[in-house]
Amino acid sequence: MVKLPFRMATVSILKSNWMSAVEVCILTCFYIFIIDQEHEQVPQPKVQN
């Protein structure tokens, strides 16, 4: 999931479309944040056990 936005960002930078590159980078960071939160929420019940 992370490779796709990263590749899009690379293509946008190559096209000198900085606005799209920034938007994709922000979206990538947002996706990574959501994925990290999901990974953190999954082990919590197992730790309580």
PDB file of N, CA and C in Angstrom:
ATOM      1  N   MET A   1       0.842  -1.215   0.000  1.00  0.00           N
ATOM      2  CA  MET A   1       0.000   0.000   0.000  1.00  0.00           C
ATOM      3  C   MET A   1       0.873   1.259   0.000  1.00  0.00           C
ATOM      4  N   VAL A   2       2.060   1.144   0.625  1.00  0.00           N
ATOM      5  CA  VAL A   2       2.927   2.325   0.724  1.00  0.00           C
ATOM      6  C   VAL A   2       3.668   2.572  -0.592  1.00  0.00           C
ATOM      7  N   LYS A   3       3.959   1.474  -1.335  1.00  0.00           N
ATOM      8  CA  LYS A   3       4.735   1.615  -2.571  1.00  0.00           C
ATOM      9  C   LYS A   3       3.958   2.401  -3.625  1.00  0.00           C
ATOM     10  N   LEU A   4       2.631   2.206  -3.701  1.00  0.00           N
ATOM     11  CA  LEU A   4       1.835   2.879  -4.736  1.00  0.00           C
ATOM     12  C   LEU A   4       1.895   4.392  -4.604  1.00  0.00           C
ATOM     13  N   PRO A   5       1.561   4.982  -3.439  1.00  0.00           N
ATOM     14  CA  PRO A   5       1.647   6.451  -3.311  1.00  0.00           C
ATOM     15  C   PRO A   5       3.069   6.958  -3.519  1.00  0.00           C
ATOM     16  N   PHE A   6       4.068   6.189  -3.069  1.00  0.00           N
ATOM     17  CA  PHE A   6       5.466   6.605  -3.222  1.00  0.00           C
ATOM     18  C   PHE A   6       5.824   6.683  -4.699  1.00  0.00           C
ATOM     19  N   ARG A   7       5.363   5.691  -5.475  1.00  0.00           N
ATOM     20  CA  ARG A   7       5.630   5.695  -6.918  1.00  0.00           C
ATOM     21  C   ARG A   7       4.912   6.868  -7.567  1.00  0.00           C
ATOM     22  N   MET A   8       3.678   7.155  -7.140  1.00  0.00           N
ATOM     23  CA  MET A   8       2.930   8.301  -7.673  1.00  0.00           C
ATOM     24  C   MET A   8       3.676   9.597  -7.373  1.00  0.00           C
ATOM     25  N   ALA A   9       4.231   9.702  -6.158  1.00  0.00           N
ATOM     26  CA  ALA A   9       4.972  10.905  -5.775  1.00  0.00           C
ATOM     27  C   ALA A   9       6.213  11.064  -6.651  1.00  0.00           C
ATOM     28  N   THR A  10       6.898   9.953  -6.917  1.00  0.00           N
ATOM     29  CA  THR A  10       8.093  10.004  -7.770  1.00  0.00           C
ATOM     30  C   THR A  10       7.732  10.478  -9.166  1.00  0.00           C
ATOM     31  N   VAL A  11       6.621   9.951  -9.719  1.00  0.00           N
ATOM     32  CA  VAL A  11       6.178  10.351 -11.062  1.00  0.00           C
ATOM     33  C   VAL A  11       5.812  11.832 -11.069  1.00  0.00           C
ATOM     34  N   SER A  12       5.121  12.292 -10.011  1.00  0.00           N
ATOM     35  CA  SER A  12       4.715  13.699  -9.948  1.00  0.00           C
ATOM     36  C   SER A  12       5.935  14.611  -9.910  1.00  0.00           C
ATOM     37  N   ILE A  13       6.963  14.216  -9.141  1.00  0.00           N
ATOM     38  CA  ILE A  13       8.183  15.025  -9.044  1.00  0.00           C
ATOM     39  C   ILE A  13       8.888  15.057 -10.398  1.00  0.00           C
ATOM     40  N   LEU A  14       8.924  13.901 -11.082  1.00  0.00           N
ATOM     41  CA  LEU A  14       9.568  13.847 -12.401  1.00  0.00           C
ATOM     42  C   LEU A  14       8.845  14.762 -13.385  1.00  0.00           C
ATOM     43  N   LYS A  15       7.538  14.911 -13.219  1.00  0.00           N
ATOM     44  CA  LYS A  15       6.754  15.779 -14.099  1.00  0.00           C
ATOM     45  C   LYS A  15       6.802  17.233 -13.617  1.00  0.00           C
ATOM     46  N   SER A  16       7.557  17.503 -12.558  1.00  0.00           N
ATOM     47  CA  SER A  16       7.676  18.856 -11.995  1.00  0.00           C
ATOM     48  C   SER A  16       6.330  19.370 -11.500  1.00  0.00           C
ATOM     49  N   ASN A  17       5.444  18.449 -11.149  1.00  0.00           N
ATOM     50  CA  ASN A  17       4.135  18.843 -10.612  1.00  0.00           C
ATOM     51  C   ASN A  17       4.231  18.777  -9.085  1.00  0.00           C
ATOM     52  N   TRP A  18       4.817  19.822  -8.495  1.00  0.00           N
ATOM     53  CA  TRP A  18       5.128  19.804  -7.061  1.00  0.00           C
ATOM     54  C   TRP A  18       3.872  19.749  -6.195  1.00  0.00           C
ATOM     55  N   MET A  19       2.799  20.424  -6.629  1.00  0.00           N
ATOM     56  CA  MET A  19       1.565  20.419  -5.834  1.00  0.00           C
ATOM     57  C   MET A  19       1.045  18.996  -5.668  1.00  0.00           C
ATOM     58  N   SER A  20       1.005  18.232  -6.761  1.00  0.00           N
ATOM     59  CA  SER A  20       0.534  16.850  -6.686  1.00  0.00           C
ATOM     60  C   SER A  20       1.488  16.020  -5.826  1.00  0.00           C
ATOM     61  N   ALA A  21       2.779  16.265  -5.950  1.00  0.00           N
ATOM     62  CA  ALA A  21       3.770  15.522  -5.171  1.00  0.00           C
ATOM     63  C   ALA A  21       3.549  15.758  -3.679  1.00  0.00           C
ATOM     64  N   VAL A  22       3.298  17.016  -3.307  1.00  0.00           N
ATOM     65  CA  VAL A  22       3.058  17.345  -1.895  1.00  0.00           C
ATOM     66  C   VAL A  22       1.785  16.663  -1.412  1.00  0.00           C
ATOM     67  N   GLU A  23       0.729  16.712  -2.239  1.00  0.00           N
ATOM     68  CA  GLU A  23      -0.540  16.081  -1.855  1.00  0.00           C
ATOM     69  C   GLU A  23      -0.356  14.583  -1.654  1.00  0.00           C
ATOM     70  N   VAL A  24       0.372  13.934  -2.570  1.00  0.00           N
ATOM     71  CA  VAL A  24       0.603  12.489  -2.468  1.00  0.00           C
ATOM     72  C   VAL A  24       1.435  12.172  -1.228  1.00  0.00           C
ATOM     73  N   CYS A  25       2.440  13.009  -0.940  1.00  0.00           N
ATOM     74  CA  CYS A  25       3.278  12.794   0.248  1.00  0.00           C
ATOM     75  C   CYS A  25       2.439  12.894   1.515  1.00  0.00           C
ATOM     76  N   ILE A  26       1.542  13.897   1.567  1.00  0.00           N
ATOM     77  CA  ILE A  26       0.665  14.069   2.730  1.00  0.00           C
ATOM     78  C   ILE A  26      -0.251  12.858   2.860  1.00  0.00           C
ATOM     79  N   LEU A  27      -0.820  12.413   1.734  1.00  0.00           N
ATOM     80  CA  LEU A  27      -1.699  11.235   1.754  1.00  0.00           C
ATOM     81  C   LEU A  27      -0.920  10.003   2.201  1.00  0.00           C
ATOM     82  N   THR A  28       0.331   9.865   1.726  1.00  0.00           N
ATOM     83  CA  THR A  28       1.158   8.720   2.108  1.00  0.00           C
ATOM     84  C   THR A  28       1.403   8.726   3.610  1.00  0.00           C
ATOM     85  N   CYS A  29       1.769   9.900   4.158  1.00  0.00           N
ATOM     86  CA  CYS A  29       1.994  10.021   5.603  1.00  0.00           C
ATOM     87  C   CYS A  29       0.715   9.692   6.359  1.00  0.00           C
ATOM     88  N   PHE A  30      -0.437  10.147   5.833  1.00  0.00           N
ATOM     89  CA  PHE A  30      -1.726   9.896   6.475  1.00  0.00           C
ATOM     90  C   PHE A  30      -2.036   8.403   6.477  1.00  0.00           C
ATOM     91  N   TYR A  31      -1.785   7.726   5.325  1.00  0.00           N
ATOM     92  CA  TYR A  31      -2.022   6.280   5.241  1.00  0.00           C
ATOM     93  C   TYR A  31      -1.117   5.534   6.210  1.00  0.00           C
ATOM     94  N   ILE A  32       0.168   5.915   6.270  1.00  0.00           N
ATOM     95  CA  ILE A  32       1.120   5.267   7.178  1.00  0.00           C
ATOM     96  C   ILE A  32       0.657   5.458   8.620  1.00  0.00           C
ATOM     97  N   PHE A  33       0.152   6.663   8.960  1.00  0.00           N
ATOM     98  CA  PHE A  33      -0.332   6.944  10.309  1.00  0.00           C
ATOM     99  C   PHE A  33      -1.499   6.029  10.648  1.00  0.00           C
ATOM    100  N   ILE A  34      -2.447   5.863   9.700  1.00  0.00           N
ATOM    101  CA  ILE A  34      -3.614   4.994   9.921  1.00  0.00           C
ATOM    102  C   ILE A  34      -3.160   3.544  10.083  1.00  0.00           C
ATOM    103  N   ILE A  35      -2.228   3.097   9.216  1.00  0.00           N
ATOM    104  CA  ILE A  35      -1.737   1.714   9.282  1.00  0.00           C
ATOM    105  C   ILE A  35      -1.041   1.475  10.620  1.00  0.00           C
ATOM    106  N   ASP A  36      -0.232   2.440  11.086  1.00  0.00           N
ATOM    107  CA  ASP A  36       0.463   2.303  12.369  1.00  0.00           C
ATOM    108  C   ASP A  36      -0.549   2.215  13.507  1.00  0.00           C
ATOM    109  N   GLN A  37      -1.612   3.037  13.453  1.00  0.00           N
ATOM    110  CA  GLN A  37      -2.639   3.015  14.500  1.00  0.00           C
ATOM    111  C   GLN A  37      -3.334   1.658  14.521  1.00  0.00           C
ATOM    112  N   GLU A  38      -3.641   1.116  13.332  1.00  0.00           N
ATOM    113  CA  GLU A  38      -4.309  -0.185  13.259  1.00  0.00           C
ATOM    114  C   GLU A  38      -3.410  -1.271  13.835  1.00  0.00           C
ATOM    115  N   HIS A  39      -2.104  -1.211  13.521  1.00  0.00           N
ATOM    116  CA  HIS A  39      -1.169  -2.208  14.036  1.00  0.00           C
ATOM    117  C   HIS A  39      -1.030  -2.073  15.554  1.00  0.00           C
ATOM    118  N   GLU A  40      -1.141  -0.845  16.075  1.00  0.00           N
ATOM    119  CA  GLU A  40      -1.031  -0.644  17.518  1.00  0.00           C
ATOM    120  C   GLU A  40      -2.282  -1.160  18.229  1.00  0.00           C
ATOM    121  N   GLN A  41      -3.452  -0.988  17.600  1.00  0.00           N
ATOM    122  CA  GLN A  41      -4.708  -1.387  18.237  1.00  0.00           C
ATOM    123  C   GLN A  41      -4.865  -2.907  18.270  1.00  0.00           C
ATOM    124  N   VAL A  42      -4.268  -3.612  17.290  1.00  0.00           N
ATOM    125  CA  VAL A  42      -4.433  -5.069  17.223  1.00  0.00           C
ATOM    126  C   VAL A  42      -3.731  -5.787  18.381  1.00  0.00           C
ATOM    127  N   PRO A  43      -2.461  -5.453  18.711  1.00  0.00           N
ATOM    128  CA  PRO A  43      -1.780  -6.187  19.780  1.00  0.00           C
ATOM    129  C   PRO A  43      -2.312  -5.875  21.181  1.00  0.00           C
ATOM    130  N   GLN A  44      -2.986  -4.755  21.381  1.00  0.00           N
ATOM    131  CA  GLN A  44      -3.411  -4.335  22.722  1.00  0.00           C
ATOM    132  C   GLN A  44      -4.220  -5.415  23.458  1.00  0.00           C
ATOM    133  N   PRO A  45      -5.264  -6.018  22.815  1.00  0.00           N
ATOM    134  CA  PRO A  45      -6.014  -7.066  23.517  1.00  0.00           C
ATOM    135  C   PRO A  45      -5.131  -8.271  23.847  1.00  0.00           C
ATOM    136  N   LYS A  46      -4.161  -8.584  22.974  1.00  0.00           N
ATOM    137  CA  LYS A  46      -3.270  -9.717  23.213  1.00  0.00           C
ATOM    138  C   LYS A  46      -2.350  -9.421  24.402  1.00  0.00           C
ATOM    139  N   VAL A  47      -1.933  -8.162  24.555  1.00  0.00           N
ATOM    140  CA  VAL A  47      -1.054  -7.781  25.663  1.00  0.00           C
ATOM    141  C   VAL A  47      -1.809  -7.888  26.986  1.00  0.00           C
ATOM    142  N   GLN A  48      -3.100  -7.517  26.982  1.00  0.00           N
ATOM    143  CA  GLN A  48      -3.916  -7.594  28.204  1.00  0.00           C
ATOM    144  C   GLN A  48      -4.073  -9.042  28.655  1.00  0.00           C
ATOM    145  N   ASN A  49      -4.040  -9.974  27.698  1.00  0.00           N
ATOM    146  CA  ASN A  49      -4.185 -11.393  28.030  1.00  0.00           C
ATOM    147  C   ASN A  49      -2.943 -11.873  28.792  1.00  0.00           C
TER     148      ASN A  49
END
